Amino acid sequence: MENFTNQPIDIASLPQYEEVDFQPISKNYLIKSNLKNLLFLCAAIIGWGILFYFEISQLQLIILLIGIVLYFGFQFWNISRLQKKYGFALREKDILYRRGYLINKTTVVPFNRIQHASISRDVLDKMLKISTLKIFTAGGSGSDIVIPGLAPDLALKLKEALAVKLTTNEF
């Protein structure tokens, strides 16, 4: 019978995901996000305009308009800040996805946990020539990593690279 060992691991020797060079996503994703935000802004302005037909004071309409302008101004600023922080990296044994600027979040998924990957494109994605790569893992109820704003050929290459890793068990 073999002797069971469970030696401690030196934490300092573990790989640091912070040192990885992340690849940025396409700038077209910024355009898509701003277009969607602009669509909601138009709906909010139309809704605000409809309020003129009701008995609402001018002061309330002005306060509401200031609120709409501030909210959507923040949204446009937020979208531009988020765009700079999106990134992904493919390493020997895992894939990483980073997002967020106030609250940074990095997801590391080892290849041996990945079940499958899919690529999706909506109408705006097709117009802007971008794709979204969704990576599903064992035990997850949905996709664990969703990388938006990838060039279609890059999304396909990443999906194929993941498929090769999964079929050859090279992890």
Protein backbone atom coordinates (compact mmCIF):
# COMPACT_ATOMS: atom_id res chain seq x y z
CA MET A 1 0.00 0.00 0.00
CA GLU A 2 1.32 3.41 -0.95
CA ASN A 3 1.93 5.99 1.71
CA PHE A 4 -0.42 8.92 1.36
CA THR A 5 1.31 12.29 1.22
CA ASN A 6 -0.18 15.73 1.14
CA GLN A 7 2.71 18.19 1.10
CA PRO A 8 2.05 21.93 1.42
CA ILE A 9 2.42 24.09 -1.68
CA ASP A 10 4.55 27.20 -1.68
CA ILE A 11 2.04 29.94 -2.50
CA ALA A 12 4.78 32.17 -3.93
CA SER A 13 5.56 29.55 -6.61
CA LEU A 14 2.02 29.55 -8.04
CA PRO A 15 1.54 31.34 -11.38
CA GLN A 16 0.24 34.90 -11.08
CA TYR A 17 -2.63 35.69 -13.43
CA GLU A 18 -2.01 39.41 -12.87
CA GLU A 19 1.27 39.10 -14.82
CA VAL A 20 -0.46 37.77 -17.94
CA ASP A 21 -0.67 39.97 -21.03
CA PHE A 22 -4.38 40.19 -21.75
CA GLN A 23 -5.59 40.62 -25.33
CA PRO A 24 -8.10 43.46 -25.76
CA ILE A 25 -11.50 42.99 -27.38
CA SER A 26 -12.54 44.83 -30.54
CA LYS A 27 -13.31 48.56 -30.39
CA ASN A 28 -16.51 47.71 -32.29
CA TYR A 29 -17.92 46.37 -29.03
CA LEU A 30 -17.74 49.95 -27.70
CA ILE A 31 -19.78 51.07 -30.70
CA LYS A 32 -22.34 48.31 -30.07
CA SER A 33 -22.67 49.19 -26.39
CA ASN A 34 -23.05 52.90 -27.19
CA LEU A 35 -25.67 52.18 -29.87
CA LYS A 36 -27.72 50.14 -27.41
CA ASN A 37 -27.39 52.90 -24.82
CA LEU A 38 -28.39 55.50 -27.43
CA LEU A 39 -31.50 53.47 -28.25
CA PHE A 40 -32.55 53.51 -24.58
CA LEU A 41 -31.76 57.23 -24.40
CA CYS A 42 -34.10 57.85 -27.34
CA ALA A 43 -36.84 55.84 -25.62
CA ALA A 44 -36.31 57.84 -22.41
CA ILE A 45 -36.50 61.15 -24.30
CA ILE A 46 -39.69 60.03 -26.08
CA GLY A 47 -41.16 59.01 -22.73
CA TRP A 48 -40.15 62.36 -21.28
CA GLY A 49 -41.81 64.14 -24.23
CA ILE A 50 -45.04 62.23 -23.67
CA LEU A 51 -45.17 63.63 -20.13
CA PHE A 52 -45.95 67.09 -21.60
CA TYR A 53 -49.50 65.86 -22.25
CA PHE A 54 -50.06 65.15 -18.55
CA GLU A 55 -50.46 67.64 -15.75
CA ILE A 56 -46.83 67.72 -14.62
CA SER A 57 -45.13 70.92 -13.56
CA GLN A 58 -42.28 72.43 -15.55
CA LEU A 59 -39.97 72.00 -12.55
CA GLN A 60 -40.68 68.24 -12.40
CA LEU A 61 -40.05 67.93 -16.16
CA ILE A 62 -36.75 69.80 -15.86
CA ILE A 63 -35.64 67.68 -12.89
CA LEU A 64 -36.55 64.52 -14.80
CA LEU A 65 -34.64 65.71 -17.87
CA ILE A 66 -31.57 66.48 -15.74
CA GLY A 67 -31.85 62.99 -14.24
CA ILE A 68 -32.05 61.42 -17.71
CA VAL A 69 -29.04 63.42 -18.96
CA LEU A 70 -26.97 62.54 -15.87
CA TYR A 71 -27.90 58.87 -15.99
CA PHE A 72 -27.12 58.42 -19.68
CA GLY A 73 -24.02 60.61 -19.44
CA PHE A 74 -22.75 58.28 -16.74
CA GLN A 75 -23.68 55.27 -18.85
CA PHE A 76 -21.68 56.51 -21.86
CA TRP A 77 -18.69 57.29 -19.60
CA ASN A 78 -19.00 53.89 -17.88
CA ILE A 79 -19.11 52.02 -21.19
CA SER A 80 -15.92 53.72 -22.40
CA ARG A 81 -14.14 52.90 -19.13
CA LEU A 82 -15.25 49.26 -19.24
CA GLN A 83 -14.04 48.85 -22.83
CA LYS A 84 -10.46 49.52 -21.74
CA LYS A 85 -10.58 46.79 -19.09
CA TYR A 86 -12.01 43.89 -21.11
CA GLY A 87 -9.35 41.33 -21.91
CA PHE A 88 -8.70 37.63 -22.36
CA ALA A 89 -5.68 35.34 -22.37
CA LEU A 90 -5.14 31.76 -23.40
CA ARG A 91 -2.45 29.88 -21.47
CA GLU A 92 -1.20 26.29 -21.54
CA LYS A 93 -3.73 24.96 -19.05
CA ASP A 94 -6.46 27.60 -18.80
CA ILE A 95 -8.24 30.60 -20.26
CA LEU A 96 -8.61 33.92 -18.45
CA TYR A 97 -11.17 36.68 -18.86
CA ARG A 98 -10.88 40.10 -17.21
CA ARG A 99 -13.44 42.89 -16.90
CA GLY A 100 -14.43 45.79 -14.64
CA TYR A 101 -12.63 48.91 -13.51
CA LEU A 102 -14.10 49.80 -10.12
CA ILE A 103 -14.57 46.18 -9.20
CA ASN A 104 -12.08 44.13 -11.18
CA LYS A 105 -13.08 40.57 -11.90
CA THR A 106 -10.87 37.94 -13.50
CA THR A 107 -12.23 34.50 -14.25
CA VAL A 108 -9.75 31.64 -14.71
CA VAL A 109 -11.16 28.44 -16.18
CA PRO A 110 -8.92 25.37 -16.48
CA PHE A 111 -9.33 23.40 -19.69
CA ASN A 112 -10.23 20.23 -17.80
CA ARG A 113 -13.42 21.99 -16.55
CA ILE A 114 -14.61 23.12 -19.99
CA GLN A 115 -17.47 21.14 -21.53
CA HIS A 116 -17.93 23.09 -24.75
CA ALA A 117 -17.79 26.51 -26.36
CA SER A 118 -20.13 28.34 -28.71
CA ILE A 119 -20.07 31.50 -30.79
CA SER A 120 -23.05 33.83 -31.04
CA ARG A 121 -23.73 36.89 -33.17
CA ASP A 122 -26.77 39.14 -33.11
CA VAL A 123 -27.77 41.66 -35.78
CA LEU A 124 -25.54 44.41 -34.41
CA ASP A 125 -22.63 41.97 -34.11
CA LYS A 126 -22.97 41.08 -37.77
CA MET A 127 -23.10 44.73 -38.78
CA LEU A 128 -20.04 45.57 -36.66
CA LYS A 129 -18.20 42.34 -37.55
CA ILE A 130 -17.84 41.05 -33.98
CA SER A 131 -18.76 37.83 -32.17
CA THR A 132 -19.27 36.57 -28.63
CA LEU A 133 -17.50 33.44 -27.42
CA LYS A 134 -19.33 31.54 -24.69
CA ILE A 135 -17.45 28.91 -22.70
CA PHE A 136 -19.42 26.38 -20.65
CA THR A 137 -17.93 24.41 -17.78
CA ALA A 138 -18.87 21.28 -15.89
CA GLY A 139 -21.41 21.92 -13.18
CA GLY A 140 -22.34 25.38 -14.40
CA SER A 141 -25.94 26.32 -15.12
CA GLY A 142 -24.94 28.67 -17.93
CA SER A 143 -21.84 29.86 -19.68
CA ASP A 144 -19.05 30.62 -17.24
CA ILE A 145 -17.11 32.93 -19.52
CA VAL A 146 -18.72 35.20 -22.09
CA ILE A 147 -16.13 37.11 -24.11
CA PRO A 148 -17.89 39.76 -26.23
CA GLY A 149 -16.43 41.87 -29.01
CA LEU A 150 -14.14 39.34 -30.67
CA ALA A 151 -13.42 39.42 -34.37
CA PRO A 152 -15.31 36.46 -35.92
CA ASP A 153 -12.12 34.77 -37.12
CA LEU A 154 -10.50 35.17 -33.69
CA ALA A 155 -13.58 33.76 -31.94
CA LEU A 156 -13.50 30.77 -34.28
CA LYS A 157 -9.75 30.24 -33.68
CA LEU A 158 -10.25 30.36 -29.92
CA LYS A 159 -13.17 27.93 -30.12
CA GLU A 160 -11.14 25.54 -32.29
CA ALA A 161 -8.12 25.83 -29.97
CA LEU A 162 -10.36 24.92 -27.04
CA ALA A 163 -11.82 22.00 -28.99
CA VAL A 164 -8.33 20.69 -29.78
CA LYS A 165 -7.32 20.98 -26.12
CA LEU A 166 -10.47 19.12 -25.05
CA THR A 167 -10.22 16.29 -27.60
CA THR A 168 -6.52 15.66 -27.13
CA ASN A 169 -6.68 16.08 -23.34
CA GLU A 170 -3.64 18.38 -23.52
CA PHE A 171 -4.09 20.07 -20.20
